[in-house]
Amino acid sequence: MIKRDLEICFSPALYEPERLAGSIVVVIDILRATSAICTAFENGASSIIPVGTVPEAKDYKNRGYLVAAERDGIVLDFADFGNSPFNFTREKVSGKTIAYSTTNGTGIIKMAASASDLIIGSFLNISAVIKWIAARERNVLLFCSGWKNRFNLEDAVCAGAMAERLMATSLYSTVCDSAKAALDLWSIAKDDLPAYIEKVAHRSRLREKKLDDCISFCLTNDYTDMVPVLKNGILVRSE
């Protein structure tokens, strides 16, 4: 059996789409964009439109869309709500299309949109993501959103958790130093993930802005079996 390649990219500044023809790209931004997206689909959202810029998000609002948008954690003044998973309640999003713009996560979704397959990953859907990838037996890149082109710990740790599970299927191998580093980080963090996440920079940012109420939720495994997939530039449920 030929094993497929597993790679991890720690920052949008390191992303090389030309090397990834035929690969599955998993976008990871656990605090909070990809956790919110998974929550939205679990609560019945029909689709999510990733929006890169504030003017684009405002245009969607003017066209009558439900808009979730933030920068640096703060809800934009024209938006219906921000990017906490707790905003995406069934009452608000069931049956709706949502235009969604965040500081980091939605930008890298658009950056990686040319991938053969792009899916959304988080702890909330980690088992479903691993099952979805393993069923396709193709090379995979776990793409961490980071923070404004910089490395962050929380996405790297989640990527390490996914990498460990993918390697355990015996379908994947890696010679990628980033993947090995993420696996090492996960080996340190996994016995007490909430305590480990206390040290990350974005945890401090969220605390300072009183936006940290959803952190323990974002670290929950398997809240949903939804795997959001990008189709024609729009996120939908996988079939």
Protein backbone atom coordinates (compact mmCIF):
# COMPACT_ATOMS: atom_id res chain seq x y z
CA MET A 1 0.00 0.00 0.00
CA ILE A 2 1.33 3.43 -0.98
CA LYS A 3 1.05 5.90 1.85
CA ARG A 4 -0.12 9.42 1.11
CA ASP A 5 1.79 12.54 2.11
CA LEU A 6 0.78 14.58 5.13
CA GLU A 7 1.99 18.17 5.44
CA ILE A 8 1.20 21.07 7.74
CA CYS A 9 1.45 24.77 6.91
CA PHE A 10 1.73 26.98 10.00
CA SER A 11 0.98 30.34 8.37
CA PRO A 12 -0.58 31.88 5.26
CA ALA A 13 2.84 33.45 4.61
CA LEU A 14 4.20 29.93 3.97
CA TYR A 15 1.40 28.65 1.76
CA GLU A 16 2.47 27.33 -1.66
CA PRO A 17 -0.61 26.40 -3.71
CA GLU A 18 1.43 25.35 -6.74
CA ARG A 19 2.80 22.36 -4.80
CA LEU A 20 -0.58 21.04 -3.78
CA ALA A 21 -2.27 19.89 -6.98
CA GLY A 22 -4.65 17.08 -6.11
CA SER A 23 -4.27 17.54 -2.35
CA ILE A 24 -6.99 17.97 0.25
CA VAL A 25 -6.55 21.21 2.19
CA VAL A 26 -7.99 21.41 5.71
CA VAL A 27 -8.36 24.98 7.02
CA ILE A 28 -7.91 25.24 10.79
CA ASP A 29 -8.74 28.35 12.85
CA ILE A 30 -10.08 27.00 16.12
CA LEU A 31 -10.33 30.35 17.97
CA ARG A 32 -12.80 30.98 16.46
CA ALA A 33 -13.62 30.90 12.76
CA THR A 34 -13.59 27.20 11.89
CA SER A 35 -15.28 26.34 15.19
CA ALA A 36 -18.02 28.85 14.38
CA ILE A 37 -18.45 27.49 10.85
CA CYS A 38 -18.84 23.94 12.14
CA THR A 39 -21.35 25.14 14.73
CA ALA A 40 -23.34 27.01 12.09
CA PHE A 41 -23.75 23.91 9.94
CA GLU A 42 -24.64 21.77 12.96
CA ASN A 43 -27.36 24.34 13.69
CA GLY A 44 -28.83 24.16 10.24
CA ALA A 45 -27.11 26.84 8.15
CA SER A 46 -27.58 26.09 4.46
CA SER A 47 -24.34 27.71 3.26
CA ILE A 48 -21.60 30.16 4.24
CA ILE A 49 -19.91 32.60 1.88
CA PRO A 50 -16.31 33.32 2.96
CA VAL A 51 -15.62 37.04 2.54
CA GLY A 52 -12.09 38.43 2.54
CA THR A 53 -12.50 42.16 3.05
CA VAL A 54 -14.64 44.55 5.07
CA PRO A 55 -16.01 46.38 1.99
CA GLU A 56 -17.09 43.03 0.52
CA ALA A 57 -18.81 42.10 3.76
CA LYS A 58 -20.62 45.45 3.83
CA ASP A 59 -21.75 44.90 0.25
CA TYR A 60 -23.30 41.57 1.21
CA LYS A 61 -25.13 43.29 4.07
CA ASN A 62 -26.46 45.93 1.68
CA ARG A 63 -27.70 43.14 -0.58
CA GLY A 64 -29.76 41.66 2.24
CA TYR A 65 -27.53 38.81 3.44
CA LEU A 66 -27.12 37.79 7.04
CA VAL A 67 -23.56 38.89 7.86
CA ALA A 68 -21.16 37.66 10.53
CA ALA A 69 -18.05 39.84 10.53
CA GLU A 70 -15.27 40.87 12.91
CA ARG A 71 -11.78 42.30 12.99
CA ASP A 72 -9.47 41.65 15.93
CA GLY A 73 -12.43 40.01 17.66
CA ILE A 74 -14.68 43.08 17.53
CA VAL A 75 -17.99 42.82 15.68
CA LEU A 76 -18.11 45.23 12.74
CA ASP A 77 -20.73 47.92 13.18
CA PHE A 78 -22.85 46.84 10.21
CA ALA A 79 -22.71 43.09 10.95
CA ASP A 80 -25.50 41.02 12.45
CA PHE A 81 -23.03 39.27 14.75
CA GLY A 82 -19.35 38.30 15.11
CA ASN A 83 -17.49 35.01 15.05
CA SER A 84 -18.17 33.39 18.39
CA PRO A 85 -19.64 29.92 17.84
CA PHE A 86 -22.31 30.92 20.36
CA ASN A 87 -23.60 33.53 17.91
CA PHE A 88 -24.51 30.85 15.37
CA THR A 89 -27.63 29.58 17.11
CA ARG A 90 -30.27 27.49 15.38
CA GLU A 91 -32.74 30.36 15.74
CA LYS A 92 -30.43 32.72 13.84
CA VAL A 93 -28.90 30.51 11.16
CA SER A 94 -31.16 27.57 10.36
CA GLY A 95 -31.88 27.54 6.65
CA LYS A 96 -29.84 30.70 6.08
CA THR A 97 -26.93 31.66 3.86
CA ILE A 98 -24.38 33.65 5.86
CA ALA A 99 -21.71 35.99 4.51
CA TYR A 100 -18.77 35.54 6.88
CA SER A 101 -15.64 37.65 7.28
CA THR A 102 -12.97 37.26 9.98
CA THR A 103 -9.50 38.55 10.79
CA ASN A 104 -7.71 35.37 9.71
CA GLY A 105 -9.81 32.32 8.86
CA THR A 106 -11.97 33.45 5.96
CA GLY A 107 -8.98 35.06 4.27
CA ILE A 108 -7.10 31.77 4.10
CA ILE A 109 -10.20 29.95 2.86
CA LYS A 110 -10.17 32.31 -0.10
CA MET A 111 -6.39 31.95 -0.45
CA ALA A 112 -6.68 28.17 -0.69
CA ALA A 113 -9.87 28.12 -2.79
CA SER A 114 -8.03 26.70 -5.81
CA ALA A 115 -7.29 23.45 -3.95
CA SER A 116 -8.83 20.31 -5.40
CA ASP A 117 -10.79 19.94 -2.16
CA LEU A 118 -10.97 22.35 0.75
CA ILE A 119 -12.67 21.42 3.99
CA ILE A 120 -13.08 23.10 7.37
CA GLY A 121 -11.51 21.50 10.43
CA SER A 122 -11.64 22.02 14.18
CA PHE A 123 -11.76 19.96 17.34
CA LEU A 124 -15.55 20.16 17.06
CA ASN A 125 -15.56 17.93 13.95
CA ILE A 126 -12.19 16.22 14.23
CA SER A 127 -13.39 12.60 13.90
CA ALA A 128 -15.58 13.45 10.90
CA VAL A 129 -12.67 15.25 9.23
CA ILE A 130 -10.34 12.27 9.68
CA LYS A 131 -12.98 9.88 8.32
CA TRP A 132 -13.63 12.17 5.33
CA ILE A 133 -9.94 12.42 4.47
CA ALA A 134 -9.17 8.74 4.98
CA ALA A 135 -12.00 7.73 2.64
CA ARG A 136 -10.30 9.61 -0.20
CA GLU A 137 -6.70 8.44 0.33
CA ARG A 138 -5.13 11.57 -1.16
CA ASN A 139 -2.30 13.82 -0.05
CA VAL A 140 -3.39 16.28 2.62
CA LEU A 141 -2.27 19.67 3.87
CA LEU A 142 -3.43 20.90 7.26
CA PHE A 143 -3.47 24.69 6.85
CA CYS A 144 -3.27 26.70 10.08
CA SER A 145 -4.64 30.21 9.88
CA GLY A 146 -2.21 31.60 12.44
CA TRP A 147 -2.56 35.24 13.46
CA LYS A 148 -1.96 37.91 10.80
CA ASN A 149 0.59 35.72 8.97
CA ARG A 150 2.28 34.65 12.21
CA PHE A 151 2.44 31.22 13.81
CA ASN A 152 0.00 30.44 16.59
CA LEU A 153 -0.05 27.58 19.06
CA GLU A 154 -3.73 26.71 19.10
CA ASP A 155 -4.04 25.88 15.40
CA ALA A 156 -0.72 24.03 15.43
CA VAL A 157 -1.89 21.88 18.33
CA CYS A 158 -5.16 21.05 16.55
CA ALA A 159 -3.19 20.19 13.40
CA GLY A 160 -1.02 17.91 15.54
CA ALA A 161 -4.11 16.15 16.87
CA MET A 162 -5.36 15.62 13.32
CA ALA A 163 -1.93 14.47 12.16
CA GLU A 164 -1.73 11.89 14.95
CA ARG A 165 -5.09 10.44 13.94
CA LEU A 166 -4.24 10.42 10.24
CA MET A 167 -0.94 8.64 10.90
CA ALA A 168 -2.79 6.09 13.02
CA THR A 169 -4.86 5.06 9.98
CA SER A 170 -1.62 3.78 8.37
CA LEU A 171 -2.68 5.60 5.18
CA TYR A 172 -0.40 8.59 5.77
CA SER A 173 3.25 9.30 6.40
CA THR A 174 5.20 12.53 6.69
CA VAL A 175 8.68 13.91 6.14
CA CYS A 176 7.40 17.43 6.87
CA ASP A 177 9.16 19.13 9.77
CA SER A 178 6.06 21.24 10.48
CA ALA A 179 4.01 18.07 10.85
CA LYS A 180 6.57 16.58 13.21
CA ALA A 181 6.64 19.81 15.24
CA ALA A 182 2.84 19.83 15.46
CA LEU A 183 2.84 16.20 16.59
CA ASP A 184 5.35 17.09 19.31
CA LEU A 185 3.21 20.02 20.45
CA TRP A 186 0.13 17.84 20.57
CA SER A 187 1.99 15.21 22.62
CA ILE A 188 2.67 17.93 25.23
CA ALA A 189 -0.80 19.49 25.14
CA LYS A 190 -3.17 16.54 24.84
CA ASP A 191 -3.23 15.38 28.49
CA ASP A 192 -4.64 18.76 29.58
CA LEU A 193 -5.57 20.77 26.51
CA PRO A 194 -7.43 23.59 28.33
CA ALA A 195 -4.40 24.21 30.56
CA TYR A 196 -2.09 24.26 27.55
CA ILE A 197 -4.31 26.71 25.67
CA GLU A 198 -4.06 29.11 28.62
CA LYS A 199 -0.58 30.05 27.39
CA VAL A 200 -1.50 30.98 23.81
CA ALA A 201 -1.42 34.62 22.75
CA HIS A 202 -4.90 34.65 21.27
CA ARG A 203 -6.34 33.31 24.50
CA SER A 204 -4.99 36.50 26.15
CA ARG A 205 -6.39 38.70 23.38
CA LEU A 206 -9.83 37.18 23.80
CA ARG A 207 -9.70 37.50 27.57
CA GLU A 208 -8.78 41.18 27.38
CA LYS A 209 -11.80 41.82 25.15
CA LYS A 210 -14.10 39.60 27.24
CA LEU A 211 -14.58 37.28 24.26
CA ASP A 212 -13.20 34.13 25.86
CA ASP A 213 -16.44 32.48 26.98
CA CYS A 214 -16.38 30.01 24.08
CA ILE A 215 -12.82 28.69 24.46
CA SER A 216 -13.69 25.50 26.34
CA PHE A 217 -16.41 24.80 23.77
CA CYS A 218 -13.91 25.24 20.91
CA LEU A 219 -11.71 22.55 22.49
CA THR A 220 -14.57 20.00 22.57
CA ASN A 221 -14.11 16.90 20.42
CA ASP A 222 -16.87 15.77 18.09
CA TYR A 223 -19.65 18.23 18.79
CA THR A 224 -20.71 17.62 15.17
CA ASP A 225 -20.18 15.18 12.33
CA MET A 226 -20.52 17.97 9.75
CA VAL A 227 -17.61 18.49 7.33
CA PRO A 228 -18.02 21.85 5.58
CA VAL A 229 -16.67 21.74 2.01
CA LEU A 230 -15.92 24.61 -0.36
CA LYS A 231 -17.88 24.32 -3.61
CA ASN A 232 -17.69 27.10 -6.19
CA GLY A 233 -16.44 29.52 -3.53
CA ILE A 234 -19.22 28.73 -1.03
CA LEU A 235 -19.09 26.46 2.01
CA VAL A 236 -21.73 23.74 2.09
CA ARG A 237 -22.25 20.46 3.93
CA SER A 238 -20.31 17.54 2.53
CA GLU A 239 -22.39 14.78 0.99
